[in-house]
Protein backbone atom coordinates (compact mmCIF):
# COMPACT_ATOMS: atom_id res chain seq x y z
CA UNK A 1 14.86 -9.66 12.65
CA UNK A 2 11.56 -8.84 10.92
CA UNK A 3 11.91 -5.13 11.73
CA UNK A 4 15.50 -5.03 10.42
CA UNK A 5 14.49 -6.74 7.18
CA UNK A 6 11.63 -4.31 6.57
CA UNK A 7 13.89 -1.32 7.25
CA UNK A 8 16.44 -2.71 4.79
CA UNK A 9 13.71 -3.11 2.16
CA UNK A 10 12.57 0.44 2.90
CA UNK A 11 16.01 1.90 2.19
CA UNK A 12 16.37 -0.17 -0.97
CA UNK A 13 12.95 0.93 -2.22
CA UNK A 14 13.64 4.61 -1.53
CA UNK A 15 16.87 4.28 -3.52
CA UNK A 16 15.57 2.29 -6.48
CA UNK A 17 12.10 3.73 -7.07
CA UNK A 18 13.16 7.30 -7.99
CA UNK A 19 15.90 5.89 -10.23
CA UNK A 20 13.45 3.71 -12.12
CA UNK A 21 10.92 6.53 -12.46
CA UNK A 22 13.47 8.98 -13.90
CA UNK A 23 14.61 6.32 -16.33
CA UNK A 24 11.14 5.48 -17.64
CA UNK A 25 12.11 6.09 -21.31
CA UNK A 26 15.14 3.80 -21.18
CA UNK A 27 15.01 0.55 -23.15
CA UNK A 28 17.43 -2.15 -22.05
CA UNK A 29 18.63 -4.49 -24.78
CA UNK A 30 19.62 -8.03 -23.83
CA UNK A 31 22.98 -9.37 -24.98
CA UNK A 32 21.54 -12.88 -25.32
CA UNK A 33 20.72 -14.41 -28.70
CA UNK A 34 17.00 -14.03 -27.96
CA UNK A 35 17.25 -10.21 -28.21
CA UNK A 36 14.29 -8.94 -26.20
CA UNK A 37 13.55 -5.56 -24.63
CA UNK A 38 12.41 -4.38 -21.24
CA UNK A 39 10.06 -1.39 -21.24
CA UNK A 40 10.17 1.04 -18.32
CA UNK A 41 7.13 3.29 -17.93
CA UNK A 42 5.73 5.54 -15.20
CA UNK A 43 2.21 6.30 -14.02
CA UNK A 44 0.29 8.50 -11.58
CA UNK A 45 -2.58 6.76 -9.80
CA UNK A 46 -5.34 7.18 -7.26
CA UNK A 47 -7.19 4.34 -5.53
CA UNK A 48 -10.12 3.82 -3.21
CA UNK A 49 -10.77 0.70 -1.10
CA UNK A 50 -13.60 0.01 1.29
CA UNK A 51 -15.25 -2.53 3.55
CA UNK A 52 -18.62 -1.28 4.72
CA UNK A 53 -18.07 2.20 6.16
CA UNK A 54 -14.29 1.66 6.41
CA UNK A 55 -12.25 3.19 3.60
CA UNK A 56 -8.68 3.78 2.45
CA UNK A 57 -7.92 6.33 -0.29
CA UNK A 58 -4.49 6.99 -1.76
CA UNK A 59 -2.57 8.84 -4.44
CA UNK A 60 0.83 7.81 -5.69
CA UNK A 61 3.44 7.13 -8.35
CA UNK A 62 4.53 3.85 -9.90
CA UNK A 63 6.98 2.52 -12.44
CA UNK A 64 6.54 -0.61 -14.57
CA UNK A 65 9.29 -2.92 -15.79
CA UNK A 66 7.64 -5.08 -18.45
CA UNK A 67 9.17 -7.54 -20.91
CA UNK A 68 7.99 -7.92 -24.49
CA UNK A 69 5.84 -10.90 -23.44
CA UNK A 70 3.90 -8.50 -21.13
CA UNK A 71 5.13 -10.22 -17.97
CA UNK A 72 6.63 -7.81 -15.47
CA UNK A 73 6.65 -6.04 -12.14
CA UNK A 74 5.48 -2.67 -10.88
CA UNK A 75 7.03 -0.73 -7.99
CA UNK A 76 4.80 1.90 -6.39
CA UNK A 77 4.68 4.41 -3.56
CA UNK A 78 1.64 6.29 -2.28
CA UNK A 79 0.25 8.46 0.49
CA UNK A 80 -2.93 6.99 1.98
CA UNK A 81 -5.56 8.33 4.34
CA UNK A 82 -7.96 5.96 6.07
CA UNK A 83 -10.87 5.70 8.43
CA UNK A 84 -11.50 2.27 9.96
CA UNK A 85 -13.53 0.82 12.80
CA UNK A 86 -11.35 -0.71 15.52
CA UNK A 87 -12.23 -3.94 17.30
CA UNK A 88 -12.99 -1.92 20.46
CA UNK A 89 -15.77 -0.06 18.63
CA UNK A 90 -13.96 3.26 18.16
CA UNK A 91 -13.51 4.90 14.76
CA UNK A 92 -9.82 5.43 13.98
CA UNK A 93 -8.29 7.77 11.40
CA UNK A 94 -4.70 7.51 10.19
CA UNK A 95 -2.39 8.21 7.28
CA UNK A 96 0.35 6.04 5.80
CA UNK A 97 3.21 6.20 3.33
CA UNK A 98 2.84 2.92 1.47
CA UNK A 99 5.41 1.02 -0.56
CA UNK A 100 4.22 -1.82 -2.79
CA UNK A 101 5.08 -4.18 -5.62
CA UNK A 102 2.90 -5.92 -8.20
CA UNK A 103 3.87 -8.91 -10.34
CA UNK A 104 1.89 -10.40 -13.19
CA UNK A 105 0.73 -9.95 -16.77
CA UNK A 106 0.47 -6.33 -17.95
CA UNK A 107 -0.95 -6.14 -21.46
CA UNK A 108 -4.17 -4.62 -22.76
CA UNK A 109 -5.67 -6.66 -19.92
CA UNK A 110 -3.70 -7.08 -16.69
CA UNK A 111 -3.79 -9.73 -13.96
CA UNK A 112 -1.47 -9.46 -10.96
CA UNK A 113 -0.60 -10.28 -7.36
CA UNK A 114 0.70 -7.59 -5.02
CA UNK A 115 2.16 -6.89 -1.59
CA UNK A 116 3.07 -3.78 0.37
CA UNK A 117 3.71 -2.18 3.75
CA UNK A 118 3.57 1.12 5.65
CA UNK A 119 6.98 2.74 5.26
CA UNK A 120 6.42 5.28 8.04
CA UNK A 121 5.85 2.54 10.62
CA UNK A 122 8.84 0.60 9.31
CA UNK A 123 11.19 3.58 9.65
CA UNK A 124 9.82 5.30 12.74
CA UNK A 125 8.95 2.16 14.71
CA UNK A 126 5.15 2.29 14.87
CA UNK A 127 4.28 5.99 14.83
CA UNK A 128 0.72 5.26 15.94
CA UNK A 129 1.85 4.66 19.49
CA UNK A 130 0.14 7.62 21.13
CA UNK A 131 -1.81 7.32 24.38
CA UNK A 132 -5.53 6.77 24.31
CA UNK A 133 -7.90 7.72 27.08
CA UNK A 134 -11.64 8.06 27.53
CA UNK A 135 -13.42 10.36 29.98
CA UNK A 136 -17.12 10.00 30.70
CA UNK A 137 -19.63 10.57 33.49
CA UNK A 138 -21.71 7.80 35.08
CA UNK A 139 -24.23 8.64 37.81
CA UNK A 140 -22.51 11.96 38.46
CA UNK A 141 -19.07 10.36 38.79
CA UNK A 142 -16.32 11.24 36.29
CA UNK A 143 -14.50 8.12 35.13
CA UNK A 144 -11.14 8.03 33.39
CA UNK A 145 -10.14 4.99 31.34
CA UNK A 146 -6.64 4.46 29.97
CA UNK A 147 -6.06 1.93 27.22
CA UNK A 148 -2.98 -0.24 27.50
CA UNK A 149 -0.67 -0.49 24.53
CA UNK A 150 -1.76 -3.06 21.97
CA UNK A 151 0.62 -6.01 22.43
CA UNK A 152 1.08 -6.64 18.70
CA UNK A 153 1.55 -3.30 16.98
CA UNK A 154 3.34 -4.64 13.93
CA UNK A 155 4.17 -2.77 10.72
CA UNK A 156 0.97 -2.62 8.66
CA UNK A 157 1.07 -4.82 5.56
CA UNK A 158 -1.22 -5.86 2.72
CA UNK A 159 -1.46 -8.74 0.26
CA UNK A 160 -3.74 -8.58 -2.72
CA UNK A 161 -4.75 -9.49 -6.25
CA UNK A 162 -6.30 -7.56 -9.07
CA UNK A 163 -7.17 -7.26 -12.73
CA UNK A 164 -7.56 -4.33 -15.06
CA UNK A 165 -7.67 -2.88 -18.54
CA UNK A 166 -5.23 -0.52 -20.27
CA UNK A 167 -6.94 2.14 -22.39
CA UNK A 168 -3.74 3.85 -23.51
CA UNK A 169 -3.21 6.95 -21.39
CA UNK A 170 -5.69 5.65 -18.83
CA UNK A 171 -5.80 2.36 -16.91
CA UNK A 172 -8.55 0.96 -14.69
CA UNK A 173 -7.99 -1.81 -12.13
CA UNK A 174 -10.14 -3.67 -9.65
CA UNK A 175 -8.33 -4.77 -6.48
CA UNK A 176 -8.97 -6.99 -3.46
CA UNK A 177 -6.58 -6.71 -0.50
CA UNK A 178 -6.09 -8.42 2.84
CA UNK A 179 -4.76 -5.81 5.26
CA UNK A 180 -3.25 -6.08 8.74
CA UNK A 181 -3.88 -2.67 10.36
CA UNK A 182 -3.26 -1.78 13.98
CA UNK A 183 -1.85 0.76 16.43
CA UNK A 184 -0.46 0.58 19.94
CA UNK A 185 -3.91 0.53 21.48
CA UNK A 186 -6.19 -0.70 18.69
CA UNK A 187 -6.62 -3.19 15.89
CA UNK A 188 -8.81 -2.75 12.82
CA UNK A 189 -11.96 -4.84 12.84
CA UNK A 190 -11.94 -5.35 9.05
CA UNK A 191 -9.22 -7.16 7.11
CA UNK A 192 -10.59 -7.52 3.57
CA UNK A 193 -10.88 -4.40 1.41
CA UNK A 194 -11.91 -4.09 -2.24
CA UNK A 195 -11.88 -1.16 -4.59
CA UNK A 196 -10.69 0.48 -7.78
CA UNK A 197 -7.51 2.14 -9.01
CA UNK A 198 -7.38 4.73 -11.81
CA UNK A 199 -3.99 5.44 -13.41
CA UNK A 200 -2.66 8.05 -15.83
CA UNK A 201 0.10 6.46 -17.93
CA UNK A 202 3.21 8.30 -19.14
């Protein structure tokens, strides 16, 4: 059920995000007596998160849908590369195609909550499911160790919060994220990451 829901969200996001980005100059006028506008804008961003020696860096595109009271949502997609220490002591490297959404106040100063997931794992059913083996020599004897599949290789997700400042063509944000990261045979030792995002606004 969870996997089907995430795949459905993946398809919906892939359909809606390009449409919103192309339409970033469109202003939608309400037919209500209040007469307010929604502003669609696009941005290119790069971010860097870390926890000790662990890090996640990404580059992506986003589109904002913001009302005239500065409340709104942001839909974003990014390609991330990461290096994290697994709970078994091995250093793991991976890449991810992330899909996320932010909701909050987006004025000169922004405050928001966010959530996201790894689209590649959602579509391709946990692509990090390769075998893992270790070969070493002890007292002249070669030993082979095979790691069993991790029993809970779920789609990687994150939940977070952040705040930032809009400088016109440039925006700076500080972010804190809780991340669930794993593979078939490993699970990341760290869960809390913090960092910065720099955006170029269009």
